[in-house]
Protein backbone atom coordinates (compact mmCIF):
# COMPACT_ATOMS: atom_id res chain seq x y z
CA UNK A 1 0.05 0.57 0.27
CA UNK A 2 1.26 3.29 -0.90
CA UNK A 3 0.79 6.63 2.00
CA UNK A 4 0.33 9.37 0.23
CA UNK A 5 0.97 12.54 2.39
CA UNK A 6 -0.67 15.67 2.06
CA UNK A 7 -0.01 18.17 4.30
CA UNK A 8 -1.67 21.21 3.12
CA UNK A 9 -4.50 20.14 0.92
CA UNK A 10 -6.76 21.53 -1.23
CA UNK A 11 -9.27 22.11 -3.37
CA UNK A 12 -8.03 22.40 -7.35
CA UNK A 13 -9.75 25.00 -9.19
CA UNK A 14 -8.98 25.55 -13.14
CA UNK A 15 -10.04 28.34 -15.27
CA UNK A 16 -10.13 28.36 -18.63
CA UNK A 17 -9.54 31.94 -19.78
CA UNK A 18 -8.15 33.07 -23.25
CA UNK A 19 -5.69 35.86 -23.63
CA UNK A 20 -6.28 35.71 -19.62
CA UNK A 21 -4.16 39.88 -18.33
CA UNK A 22 -4.35 41.11 -15.23
CA UNK A 23 -7.01 44.02 -14.31
CA UNK A 24 -10.04 42.74 -16.86
CA UNK A 25 -12.71 40.90 -16.95
CA UNK A 26 -13.13 37.19 -17.60
CA UNK A 27 -15.72 34.77 -18.21
CA UNK A 28 -14.36 30.98 -17.70
CA UNK A 29 -14.90 28.41 -21.69
CA UNK A 30 -14.62 25.92 -18.78
CA UNK A 31 -14.14 25.47 -14.32
CA UNK A 32 -12.97 21.69 -13.36
CA UNK A 33 -13.02 21.48 -9.63
CA UNK A 34 -10.67 18.44 -8.28
CA UNK A 35 -9.63 17.43 -4.17
CA UNK A 36 -5.79 19.06 -4.81
CA UNK A 37 -2.35 19.72 -3.45
CA UNK A 38 0.48 17.35 -4.56
CA UNK A 39 -0.26 14.78 -2.16
CA UNK A 40 -3.51 14.59 -2.93
CA UNK A 41 -2.76 14.39 -6.67
CA UNK A 42 -0.03 11.62 -6.38
CA UNK A 43 -2.75 9.67 -4.60
CA UNK A 44 -5.63 10.04 -7.99
CA UNK A 45 -2.26 8.71 -9.93
CA UNK A 46 -1.50 5.64 -7.85
CA UNK A 47 -4.90 4.53 -7.15
CA UNK A 48 -5.78 5.10 -11.38
CA UNK A 49 -3.03 3.14 -11.96
CA UNK A 50 -4.30 0.40 -8.81
CA UNK A 51 -3.05 0.69 -5.96
CA UNK A 52 -4.45 0.77 -2.72
CA UNK A 53 -3.62 3.99 -1.54
CA UNK A 54 -4.39 5.97 1.68
CA UNK A 55 -3.90 9.50 2.84
CA UNK A 56 -3.56 11.72 5.65
CA UNK A 57 -2.56 15.34 7.06
CA UNK A 58 -4.55 18.09 7.56
CA UNK A 59 -8.17 19.26 6.84
CA UNK A 60 -11.24 21.49 7.72
CA UNK A 61 -14.22 23.08 7.46
CA UNK A 62 -16.12 22.74 4.18
CA UNK A 63 -13.97 22.50 2.18
CA UNK A 64 -12.15 19.64 3.44
CA UNK A 65 -15.49 17.88 3.54
CA UNK A 66 -15.18 18.55 -0.25
CA UNK A 67 -11.93 16.89 0.24
CA UNK A 68 -12.73 13.65 2.04
CA UNK A 69 -15.73 13.66 -0.40
CA UNK A 70 -14.09 13.22 -3.09
CA UNK A 71 -11.81 10.82 -2.03
CA UNK A 72 -14.04 8.02 -1.25
CA UNK A 73 -15.70 8.27 -4.44
CA UNK A 74 -12.51 6.97 -6.29
CA UNK A 75 -12.05 4.94 -3.58
CA UNK A 76 -9.09 6.70 -1.65
CA UNK A 77 -8.54 6.02 1.66
CA UNK A 78 -8.67 9.47 3.67
CA UNK A 79 -6.72 9.38 7.16
CA UNK A 80 -6.74 13.13 7.21
CA UNK A 81 -6.34 15.09 11.09
CA UNK A 82 -9.20 17.15 11.51
CA UNK A 83 -8.67 20.61 12.53
CA UNK A 84 -9.67 24.10 13.16
CA UNK A 85 -8.67 25.55 10.28
CA UNK A 86 -10.26 25.66 7.18
CA UNK A 87 -8.67 24.15 3.97
CA UNK A 88 -7.22 26.44 1.22
CA UNK A 89 -8.04 26.28 -2.48
CA UNK A 90 -5.66 26.94 -5.62
CA UNK A 91 -6.42 28.96 -8.61
CA UNK A 92 -4.88 28.54 -11.62
CA UNK A 93 -5.82 29.93 -14.49
CA UNK A 94 -5.40 28.53 -17.65
CA UNK A 95 -5.01 30.17 -21.64
CA UNK A 96 -4.46 27.33 -23.74
CA UNK A 97 -4.59 30.49 -26.60
CA UNK A 98 -1.30 31.66 -25.76
CA UNK A 99 0.31 28.74 -23.28
CA UNK A 100 0.48 30.38 -20.11
CA UNK A 101 -0.33 29.45 -16.71
CA UNK A 102 -1.17 31.76 -13.92
CA UNK A 103 -1.80 30.37 -10.50
CA UNK A 104 -3.12 32.19 -6.93
CA UNK A 105 -2.35 29.41 -3.86
CA UNK A 106 -4.06 30.01 -0.39
CA UNK A 107 -2.05 29.88 2.40
CA UNK A 108 -3.99 27.43 4.08
CA UNK A 109 -5.08 27.10 7.97
CA UNK A 110 -2.72 27.53 10.89
CA UNK A 111 -1.46 23.75 12.19
CA UNK A 112 -2.28 24.10 16.43
CA UNK A 113 0.90 22.15 17.96
CA UNK A 114 -1.92 19.56 19.75
CA UNK A 115 -2.98 19.13 16.03
CA UNK A 116 0.53 18.49 14.70
CA UNK A 117 1.40 15.99 17.63
CA UNK A 118 -2.34 13.82 16.68
CA UNK A 119 -0.36 14.22 12.81
CA UNK A 120 2.88 12.32 14.06
CA UNK A 121 1.08 9.66 16.08
CA UNK A 122 -1.36 8.61 13.09
CA UNK A 123 1.41 8.54 10.73
CA UNK A 124 3.13 6.19 13.27
CA UNK A 125 0.74 4.19 13.31
CA UNK A 126 -0.13 3.18 9.58
CA UNK A 127 3.49 2.42 8.14
CA UNK A 128 2.70 -0.47 9.43
CA UNK A 129 -0.07 -1.05 5.80
CA UNK A 130 2.55 0.91 3.92
CA UNK A 131 5.64 0.10 2.20
CA UNK A 132 6.31 3.31 0.12
CA UNK A 133 5.69 6.78 1.29
CA UNK A 134 5.40 9.97 -0.70
CA UNK A 135 5.13 13.34 -0.16
CA UNK A 136 4.23 16.35 -1.32
CA UNK A 137 4.69 20.01 -1.53
CA UNK A 138 5.20 22.92 0.98
CA UNK A 139 4.29 22.76 4.69
CA UNK A 140 0.98 24.69 6.54
CA UNK A 141 1.65 27.39 8.74
CA UNK A 142 2.05 26.28 12.18
CA UNK A 143 4.29 22.76 11.03
CA UNK A 144 7.58 22.96 11.43
CA UNK A 145 10.26 22.91 8.48
CA UNK A 146 11.90 19.75 9.95
CA UNK A 147 8.89 18.15 9.93
CA UNK A 148 9.35 16.12 7.18
CA UNK A 149 12.84 15.63 8.39
CA UNK A 150 11.28 13.65 11.25
CA UNK A 151 9.38 11.65 8.94
CA UNK A 152 11.36 10.52 7.31
CA UNK A 153 13.90 9.42 10.41
CA UNK A 154 10.07 7.43 11.75
CA UNK A 155 9.86 5.42 8.68
CA UNK A 156 13.68 4.76 8.40
CA UNK A 157 13.05 2.40 11.64
CA UNK A 158 10.17 0.75 10.52
CA UNK A 159 11.74 -0.12 7.01
CA UNK A 160 9.57 1.75 4.08
CA UNK A 161 10.69 3.61 1.45
CA UNK A 162 9.89 7.46 1.28
CA UNK A 163 9.79 9.73 -1.71
CA UNK A 164 10.40 13.41 -0.64
CA UNK A 165 8.81 16.33 -3.34
CA UNK A 166 9.52 19.38 -1.71
CA UNK A 167 11.79 22.26 -2.43
CA UNK A 168 13.80 24.90 -0.57
CA UNK A 169 14.11 25.41 3.11
CA UNK A 170 12.00 21.76 3.26
CA UNK A 171 14.15 19.90 0.83
CA UNK A 172 17.76 20.56 2.87
CA UNK A 173 15.70 20.16 6.23
CA UNK A 174 14.44 16.46 4.61
CA UNK A 175 18.04 15.12 2.42
CA UNK A 176 19.45 15.38 6.40
CA UNK A 177 17.52 12.32 6.81
CA UNK A 178 18.39 10.44 3.64
CA UNK A 179 15.08 9.58 1.90
CA UNK A 180 15.02 7.03 -0.37
CA UNK A 181 14.12 9.14 -3.60
CA UNK A 182 14.24 12.64 -4.29
CA UNK A 183 12.85 14.45 -7.47
CA UNK A 184 13.42 18.74 -7.60
CA UNK A 185 13.74 20.50 -10.79
CA UNK A 186 16.38 22.07 -12.04
CA UNK A 187 15.59 25.36 -10.43
CA UNK A 188 14.92 23.82 -7.11
CA UNK A 189 18.07 21.76 -7.03
CA UNK A 190 19.85 24.78 -8.21
CA UNK A 191 18.19 26.51 -5.15
CA UNK A 192 19.53 23.15 -2.53
CA UNK A 193 22.41 23.08 -3.75
CA UNK A 194 23.59 26.51 -3.71
CA UNK A 195 25.26 26.46 -7.28
CA UNK A 196 23.13 26.96 -10.88
CA UNK A 197 22.60 23.43 -12.45
CA UNK A 198 22.54 24.30 -16.14
CA UNK A 199 24.40 21.64 -17.79
CA UNK A 200 24.82 17.88 -18.68
CA UNK A 201 28.11 18.55 -15.50
CA UNK A 202 26.30 19.99 -13.02
CA UNK A 203 23.37 17.75 -12.83
CA UNK A 204 25.89 15.25 -12.83
CA UNK A 205 27.89 16.87 -9.51
CA UNK A 206 24.59 17.94 -8.21
CA UNK A 207 22.78 14.09 -8.08
CA UNK A 208 26.67 12.71 -6.62
CA UNK A 209 26.43 14.90 -4.13
CA UNK A 210 22.96 14.03 -3.12
CA UNK A 211 24.08 10.14 -3.59
CA UNK A 212 27.02 10.55 -0.99
CA UNK A 213 24.53 12.74 1.47
CA UNK A 214 22.00 9.59 1.68
CA UNK A 215 19.50 9.49 -0.90
CA UNK A 216 19.25 5.89 -2.38
CA UNK A 217 17.30 7.29 -5.75
CA UNK A 218 18.42 11.77 -6.91
CA UNK A 219 16.33 12.38 -9.46
CA UNK A 220 16.38 16.19 -11.46
CA UNK A 221 13.42 16.91 -13.90
CA UNK A 222 14.47 18.72 -16.70
CA UNK A 223 10.13 19.47 -17.92
CA UNK A 224 10.54 18.99 -21.59
CA UNK A 225 13.68 17.24 -21.76
CA UNK A 226 12.78 14.57 -19.07
CA UNK A 227 14.95 13.93 -16.42
CA UNK A 228 18.12 12.77 -14.98
CA UNK A 229 18.46 10.00 -12.42
CA UNK A 230 21.58 9.10 -10.46
CA UNK A 231 21.43 4.93 -10.23
CA UNK A 232 24.05 2.49 -8.95
CA UNK A 233 26.39 2.03 -12.17
CA UNK A 234 25.93 6.17 -13.39
CA UNK A 235 23.91 8.80 -14.03
CA UNK A 236 21.44 8.22 -16.77
CA UNK A 237 18.90 10.76 -18.85
CA UNK A 238 15.64 9.75 -19.40
CA UNK A 239 13.58 11.00 -22.41
CA UNK A 240 11.14 10.86 -24.56
CA UNK A 241 9.95 11.93 -28.45
CA UNK A 242 8.13 16.42 -28.34
CA UNK A 243 3.96 15.75 -27.58
CA UNK A 244 1.18 18.20 -27.70
CA UNK A 245 0.56 19.19 -24.23
CA UNK A 246 -2.87 20.58 -22.77
CA UNK A 247 -1.80 21.43 -19.30
CA UNK A 248 1.91 20.51 -16.69
CA UNK A 249 -0.53 21.79 -14.08
CA UNK A 250 0.70 18.57 -11.79
CA UNK A 251 2.38 15.98 -14.15
CA UNK A 252 5.57 16.06 -10.80
CA UNK A 253 2.84 14.50 -9.51
CA UNK A 254 2.22 11.95 -11.35
CA UNK A 255 5.45 11.31 -11.89
CA UNK A 256 5.83 10.77 -8.14
CA UNK A 257 3.06 8.12 -7.94
CA UNK A 258 3.97 6.14 -11.14
CA UNK A 259 7.53 6.00 -8.88
CA UNK A 260 6.30 5.12 -5.71
CA UNK A 261 3.36 2.53 -7.69
CA UNK A 262 6.63 1.04 -9.45
CA UNK A 263 8.56 0.80 -6.03
CA UNK A 264 6.12 -0.81 -4.31
CA UNK A 265 5.72 -3.42 -6.77
CA UNK A 266 9.12 -3.79 -6.66
CA UNK A 267 10.62 -2.99 -10.33
CA UNK A 268 14.17 -2.37 -11.02
CA UNK A 269 15.45 1.52 -10.79
CA UNK A 270 15.15 2.00 -14.59
CA UNK A 271 11.50 0.99 -14.75
CA UNK A 272 10.56 2.61 -11.43
CA UNK A 273 12.10 6.58 -13.20
CA UNK A 274 10.36 5.31 -16.53
CA UNK A 275 6.80 4.81 -15.28
CA UNK A 276 6.83 8.19 -13.17
CA UNK A 277 7.91 9.39 -16.70
CA UNK A 278 4.73 7.85 -18.60
CA UNK A 279 2.72 9.29 -15.82
CA UNK A 280 4.23 12.28 -16.25
CA UNK A 281 3.56 12.85 -19.35
CA UNK A 282 0.13 11.36 -19.66
CA UNK A 283 -1.03 14.07 -17.05
CA UNK A 284 -0.60 16.14 -19.57
CA UNK A 285 -3.02 15.48 -21.69
CA UNK A 286 -5.99 16.24 -18.99
CA UNK A 287 -7.35 19.58 -18.65
CA UNK A 288 -7.54 18.44 -14.41
CA UNK A 289 -4.43 18.23 -12.18
CA UNK A 290 -3.26 14.92 -11.14
CA UNK A 291 -5.19 12.75 -14.28
CA UNK A 292 -3.93 10.01 -16.09
CA UNK A 293 -5.12 6.79 -18.10
CA UNK A 294 -3.60 3.45 -18.16
CA UNK A 295 -3.93 3.52 -21.87
CA UNK A 296 -1.95 7.02 -22.39
CA UNK A 297 0.73 5.80 -19.46
CA UNK A 298 1.17 2.93 -21.83
CA UNK A 299 1.10 4.12 -24.81
CA UNK A 300 4.02 6.26 -22.92
CA UNK A 301 6.18 4.32 -21.91
CA UNK A 302 7.00 2.43 -24.90
CA UNK A 303 8.46 6.18 -26.00
CA UNK A 304 10.38 6.75 -23.47
CA UNK A 305 15.28 6.05 -24.06
CA UNK A 306 17.32 6.28 -21.69
CA UNK A 307 20.59 7.87 -22.89
CA UNK A 308 24.12 7.10 -19.98
CA UNK A 309 25.23 10.49 -19.11
CA UNK A 310 27.77 9.33 -16.99
CA UNK A 311 29.34 5.21 -16.23
CA UNK A 312 31.16 4.71 -13.15
CA UNK A 313 29.27 3.63 -9.45
CA UNK A 314 28.05 7.09 -8.03
């Protein structure tokens, strides 16, 4: 079973608006509302691939109830801790005509110390039924910046694989505890490493450093250029032919979901990355966030190619 941690979930609303600019009034061509936030996108994709999935984190208010109802409809087990505040709503204005995406993200509720302690107790209890844990995105107000590091430590004591997908201080802290996998993009990796990741050599250097820091499977995502991963015998570049994109929102989360599913099924590292990439690509074909179909995943999986960037033990 996969446990997806969604510390700061949201109702994701996507509006389709042509020629969007500021300081004007628009009528949306369409709108989609989903139980979202990065952690729930991961959970939804993993469930679509046929896995049993639990989610935990914090929800509150009517928005939190909407999220719980949506999860039940698609067979995801909700183990959220209820809080006094109101779960946030995040808005994405998608201008397909000009290829732009504008996001407005609410901060979410402030988590009280006793609510956080309740979550830690629940998290430790849920680990007995899971083999892979994913943790994605930002932390809500009131939760320590070292929280992901704490979760990784608890998971390690029970022999569980932990995929961390976050950025900035949260990623820096998490890396100190050696999660099984991280997947920053180039900008996020540059922030953490303290130097600009702009070339092949930069990627190789950074991934080797993450390996030495205790990350078993460090990955750097490169947008439409695929991703680079440090495996046991070298640095590999995974890529595919260009595809037409409907919306890129949630593709990183779909990538994490595919990797988590492959790990849960005991796949080899190369196949873990390939399934992650195929899910990320499949997500780009949907207007809604964190959506894939098994047919698209299977199709894109066949298109992924691999190039060796550095052949040596890492």
